[in-house]
PDB file of N, CA and C in Angstrom:
ATOM      1  N   UNK A   1      -4.641   7.801  -4.015  1.00  0.00           N
ATOM      2  CA  UNK A   1      -5.806   7.133  -3.196  1.00  0.00           C
ATOM      3  C   UNK A   1      -5.661   6.548  -4.178  1.00  0.00           C
ATOM      4  N   UNK A   2      -6.088   5.143  -3.498  1.00  0.00           N
ATOM      5  CA  UNK A   2      -6.192   3.475  -3.853  1.00  0.00           C
ATOM      6  C   UNK A   2      -7.769   3.337  -2.763  1.00  0.00           C
ATOM      7  N   UNK A   3      -8.580   2.954  -4.103  1.00  0.00           N
ATOM      8  CA  UNK A   3     -10.215   2.167  -3.128  1.00  0.00           C
ATOM      9  C   UNK A   3     -10.393   0.733  -4.157  1.00  0.00           C
ATOM     10  N   UNK A   4     -10.721  -0.241  -3.484  1.00  0.00           N
ATOM     11  CA  UNK A   4     -11.167  -1.722  -3.727  1.00  0.00           C
ATOM     12  C   UNK A   4     -13.108  -1.279  -3.456  1.00  0.00           C
ATOM     13  N   UNK A   5     -13.141  -2.065  -4.329  1.00  0.00           N
ATOM     14  CA  UNK A   5     -14.779  -2.250  -4.115  1.00  0.00           C
ATOM     15  C   UNK A   5     -14.473  -4.058  -3.452  1.00  0.00           C
ATOM     16  N   UNK A   6     -14.870  -4.611  -2.076  1.00  0.00           N
ATOM     17  CA  UNK A   6     -15.241  -5.781  -2.223  1.00  0.00           C
ATOM     18  C   UNK A   6     -16.441  -6.301  -2.658  1.00  0.00           C
ATOM     19  N   UNK A   7     -16.505  -7.650  -2.147  1.00  0.00           N
ATOM     20  CA  UNK A   7     -17.811  -8.321  -3.005  1.00  0.00           C
ATOM     21  C   UNK A   7     -17.361  -9.635  -2.835  1.00  0.00           C
ATOM     22  N   UNK A   8     -18.858  -9.651  -2.650  1.00  0.00           N
ATOM     23  CA  UNK A   8     -19.649 -11.589  -2.085  1.00  0.00           C
ATOM     24  C   UNK A   8     -20.902 -11.520  -3.155  1.00  0.00           C
ATOM     25  N   UNK A   9     -21.298 -12.938  -3.407  1.00  0.00           N
ATOM     26  CA  UNK A   9     -22.351 -13.494  -3.360  1.00  0.00           C
ATOM     27  C   UNK A   9     -23.503 -13.338  -3.223  1.00  0.00           C
ATOM     28  N   UNK A  10     -24.849 -13.060  -3.680  1.00  0.00           N
ATOM     29  CA  UNK A  10     -25.910 -12.100  -3.371  1.00  0.00           C
ATOM     30  C   UNK A  10     -26.469 -13.274  -3.059  1.00  0.00           C
ATOM     31  N   UNK A  11     -26.125 -14.469  -3.386  1.00  0.00           N
ATOM     32  CA  UNK A  11     -26.330 -16.460  -2.197  1.00  0.00           C
ATOM     33  C   UNK A  11     -25.898 -15.865  -0.751  1.00  0.00           C
ATOM     34  N   UNK A  12     -24.727 -15.479  -0.453  1.00  0.00           N
ATOM     35  CA  UNK A  12     -23.676 -15.131   0.685  1.00  0.00           C
ATOM     36  C   UNK A  12     -24.175 -13.605   1.389  1.00  0.00           C
ATOM     37  N   UNK A  13     -24.145 -12.964   0.881  1.00  0.00           N
ATOM     38  CA  UNK A  13     -24.206 -11.055   1.319  1.00  0.00           C
ATOM     39  C   UNK A  13     -24.434 -10.293   0.590  1.00  0.00           C
ATOM     40  N   UNK A  14     -25.481 -10.125   0.361  1.00  0.00           N
ATOM     41  CA  UNK A  14     -26.046  -9.289  -1.098  1.00  0.00           C
ATOM     42  C   UNK A  14     -25.977  -8.091   0.025  1.00  0.00           C
ATOM     43  N   UNK A  15     -26.213  -7.221  -1.058  1.00  0.00           N
ATOM     44  CA  UNK A  15     -26.353  -5.503  -1.474  1.00  0.00           C
ATOM     45  C   UNK A  15     -27.568  -4.998   0.217  1.00  0.00           C
ATOM     46  N   UNK A  16     -28.654  -5.639  -0.139  1.00  0.00           N
ATOM     47  CA  UNK A  16     -29.857  -5.778   0.652  1.00  0.00           C
ATOM     48  C   UNK A  16     -29.389  -5.765   1.940  1.00  0.00           C
ATOM     49  N   UNK A  17     -28.368  -7.382   2.193  1.00  0.00           N
ATOM     50  CA  UNK A  17     -27.843  -7.379   3.854  1.00  0.00           C
ATOM     51  C   UNK A  17     -27.025  -6.262   3.621  1.00  0.00           C
ATOM     52  N   UNK A  18     -26.124  -5.754   3.275  1.00  0.00           N
ATOM     53  CA  UNK A  18     -25.310  -4.458   4.022  1.00  0.00           C
ATOM     54  C   UNK A  18     -26.426  -3.431   4.013  1.00  0.00           C
ATOM     55  N   UNK A  19     -27.404  -3.157   3.558  1.00  0.00           N
ATOM     56  CA  UNK A  19     -28.232  -1.610   3.484  1.00  0.00           C
ATOM     57  C   UNK A  19     -29.081  -2.013   4.430  1.00  0.00           C
ATOM     58  N   UNK A  20     -29.093  -3.088   5.072  1.00  0.00           N
ATOM     59  CA  UNK A  20     -30.120  -3.036   6.331  1.00  0.00           C
ATOM     60  C   UNK A  20     -28.884  -3.551   7.570  1.00  0.00           C
ATOM     61  N   UNK A  21     -27.557  -3.974   7.895  1.00  0.00           N
ATOM     62  CA  UNK A  21     -26.684  -4.273   8.597  1.00  0.00           C
ATOM     63  C   UNK A  21     -25.678  -2.817   8.471  1.00  0.00           C
ATOM     64  N   UNK A  22     -25.826  -1.828   7.421  1.00  0.00           N
ATOM     65  CA  UNK A  22     -24.905  -0.777   7.397  1.00  0.00           C
ATOM     66  C   UNK A  22     -23.564  -0.495   7.267  1.00  0.00           C
ATOM     67  N   UNK A  23     -22.793  -2.335   7.976  1.00  0.00           N
ATOM     68  CA  UNK A  23     -21.336  -2.429   8.296  1.00  0.00           C
ATOM     69  C   UNK A  23     -20.862  -3.805   8.597  1.00  0.00           C
ATOM     70  N   UNK A  24     -20.207  -3.885   7.601  1.00  0.00           N
ATOM     71  CA  UNK A  24     -19.470  -5.719   8.105  1.00  0.00           C
ATOM     72  C   UNK A  24     -18.730  -5.863   8.046  1.00  0.00           C
ATOM     73  N   UNK A  25     -18.066  -7.295   7.819  1.00  0.00           N
ATOM     74  CA  UNK A  25     -16.912  -7.328   8.279  1.00  0.00           C
ATOM     75  C   UNK A  25     -16.406  -8.560   7.146  1.00  0.00           C
ATOM     76  N   UNK A  26     -15.366  -8.729   6.195  1.00  0.00           N
ATOM     77  CA  UNK A  26     -15.321  -9.433   4.908  1.00  0.00           C
ATOM     78  C   UNK A  26     -13.780 -10.163   5.377  1.00  0.00           C
ATOM     79  N   UNK A  27     -15.058 -11.448   5.867  1.00  0.00           N
ATOM     80  CA  UNK A  27     -13.508 -13.144   5.984  1.00  0.00           C
ATOM     81  C   UNK A  27     -13.435 -14.263   5.108  1.00  0.00           C
ATOM     82  N   UNK A  28     -13.007 -15.330   5.107  1.00  0.00           N
ATOM     83  CA  UNK A  28     -12.926 -15.660   4.069  1.00  0.00           C
ATOM     84  C   UNK A  28     -11.412 -15.584   2.650  1.00  0.00           C
ATOM     85  N   UNK A  29     -11.229 -14.913   3.288  1.00  0.00           N
ATOM     86  CA  UNK A  29      -9.979 -14.446   1.567  1.00  0.00           C
ATOM     87  C   UNK A  29      -9.131 -15.392   1.478  1.00  0.00           C
ATOM     88  N   UNK A  30      -9.131 -16.374   0.704  1.00  0.00           N
ATOM     89  CA  UNK A  30      -8.452 -17.265   0.215  1.00  0.00           C
ATOM     90  C   UNK A  30      -6.925 -17.269  -0.262  1.00  0.00           C
ATOM     91  N   UNK A  31      -7.055 -15.519  -1.258  1.00  0.00           N
ATOM     92  CA  UNK A  31      -5.711 -15.813  -2.147  1.00  0.00           C
ATOM     93  C   UNK A  31      -4.930 -14.844  -1.273  1.00  0.00           C
ATOM     94  N   UNK A  32      -3.575 -14.925  -0.283  1.00  0.00           N
ATOM     95  CA  UNK A  32      -3.242 -14.689   0.304  1.00  0.00           C
ATOM     96  C   UNK A  32      -3.101 -13.454  -0.635  1.00  0.00           C
ATOM     97  N   UNK A  33      -2.539 -12.767  -1.600  1.00  0.00           N
ATOM     98  CA  UNK A  33      -2.403 -11.303  -2.501  1.00  0.00           C
ATOM     99  C   UNK A  33      -3.982 -10.413  -1.464  1.00  0.00           C
ATOM    100  N   UNK A  34      -4.797 -10.996  -2.418  1.00  0.00           N
ATOM    101  CA  UNK A  34      -6.165 -10.328  -1.958  1.00  0.00           C
ATOM    102  C   UNK A  34      -5.470 -10.315  -0.662  1.00  0.00           C
ATOM    103  N   UNK A  35      -6.039 -11.141   0.085  1.00  0.00           N
ATOM    104  CA  UNK A  35      -5.650 -10.743   1.852  1.00  0.00           C
ATOM    105  C   UNK A  35      -4.686  -9.533   2.494  1.00  0.00           C
ATOM    106  N   UNK A  36      -3.261  -9.542   1.949  1.00  0.00           N
ATOM    107  CA  UNK A  36      -3.219  -8.173   2.025  1.00  0.00           C
ATOM    108  C   UNK A  36      -3.043  -7.319   1.221  1.00  0.00           C
ATOM    109  N   UNK A  37      -3.818  -6.976   0.680  1.00  0.00           N
ATOM    110  CA  UNK A  37      -4.261  -6.060   0.045  1.00  0.00           C
ATOM    111  C   UNK A  37      -5.372  -5.479   1.072  1.00  0.00           C
ATOM    112  N   UNK A  38      -6.119  -6.440   1.889  1.00  0.00           N
ATOM    113  CA  UNK A  38      -7.344  -6.028   2.392  1.00  0.00           C
ATOM    114  C   UNK A  38      -7.050  -5.121   3.520  1.00  0.00           C
ATOM    115  N   UNK A  39      -5.418  -6.112   3.926  1.00  0.00           N
ATOM    116  CA  UNK A  39      -5.398  -6.135   5.250  1.00  0.00           C
ATOM    117  C   UNK A  39      -4.784  -4.199   5.443  1.00  0.00           C
ATOM    118  N   UNK A  40      -4.139  -3.545   4.399  1.00  0.00           N
ATOM    119  CA  UNK A  40      -4.009  -1.925   3.810  1.00  0.00           C
ATOM    120  C   UNK A  40      -4.681  -1.409   3.604  1.00  0.00           C
ATOM    121  N   UNK A  41      -6.372  -2.212   3.453  1.00  0.00           N
ATOM    122  CA  UNK A  41      -7.205  -1.072   2.997  1.00  0.00           C
ATOM    123  C   UNK A  41      -7.666  -0.387   4.280  1.00  0.00           C
ATOM    124  N   UNK A  42      -8.005   1.004   4.246  1.00  0.00           N
ATOM    125  CA  UNK A  42      -8.573   2.136   5.023  1.00  0.00           C
ATOM    126  C   UNK A  42      -9.665   2.541   4.841  1.00  0.00           C
ATOM    127  N   UNK A  43     -10.430   2.064   6.169  1.00  0.00           N
ATOM    128  CA  UNK A  43     -12.205   2.723   5.576  1.00  0.00           C
ATOM    129  C   UNK A  43     -12.131   4.414   4.776  1.00  0.00           C
ATOM    130  N   UNK A  44     -12.864   4.560   4.070  1.00  0.00           N
ATOM    131  CA  UNK A  44     -13.414   5.556   2.935  1.00  0.00           C
ATOM    132  C   UNK A  44     -14.217   5.953   2.658  1.00  0.00           C
ATOM    133  N   UNK A  45     -14.595   6.933   3.475  1.00  0.00           N
ATOM    134  CA  UNK A  45     -15.788   7.737   3.935  1.00  0.00           C
ATOM    135  C   UNK A  45     -16.078   8.816   3.575  1.00  0.00           C
TER     136      UNK A  45
END
């Protein structure tokens, strides 16, 4: 099973924001290969 760690700059969307929101979407991926990997990801619970 593969896992991917999605990251954002703290000034854009930090871990405190994620803790408060509990769930979010990740958009704005400019690298086509990374975008394709993200599309194939499933939630890991």
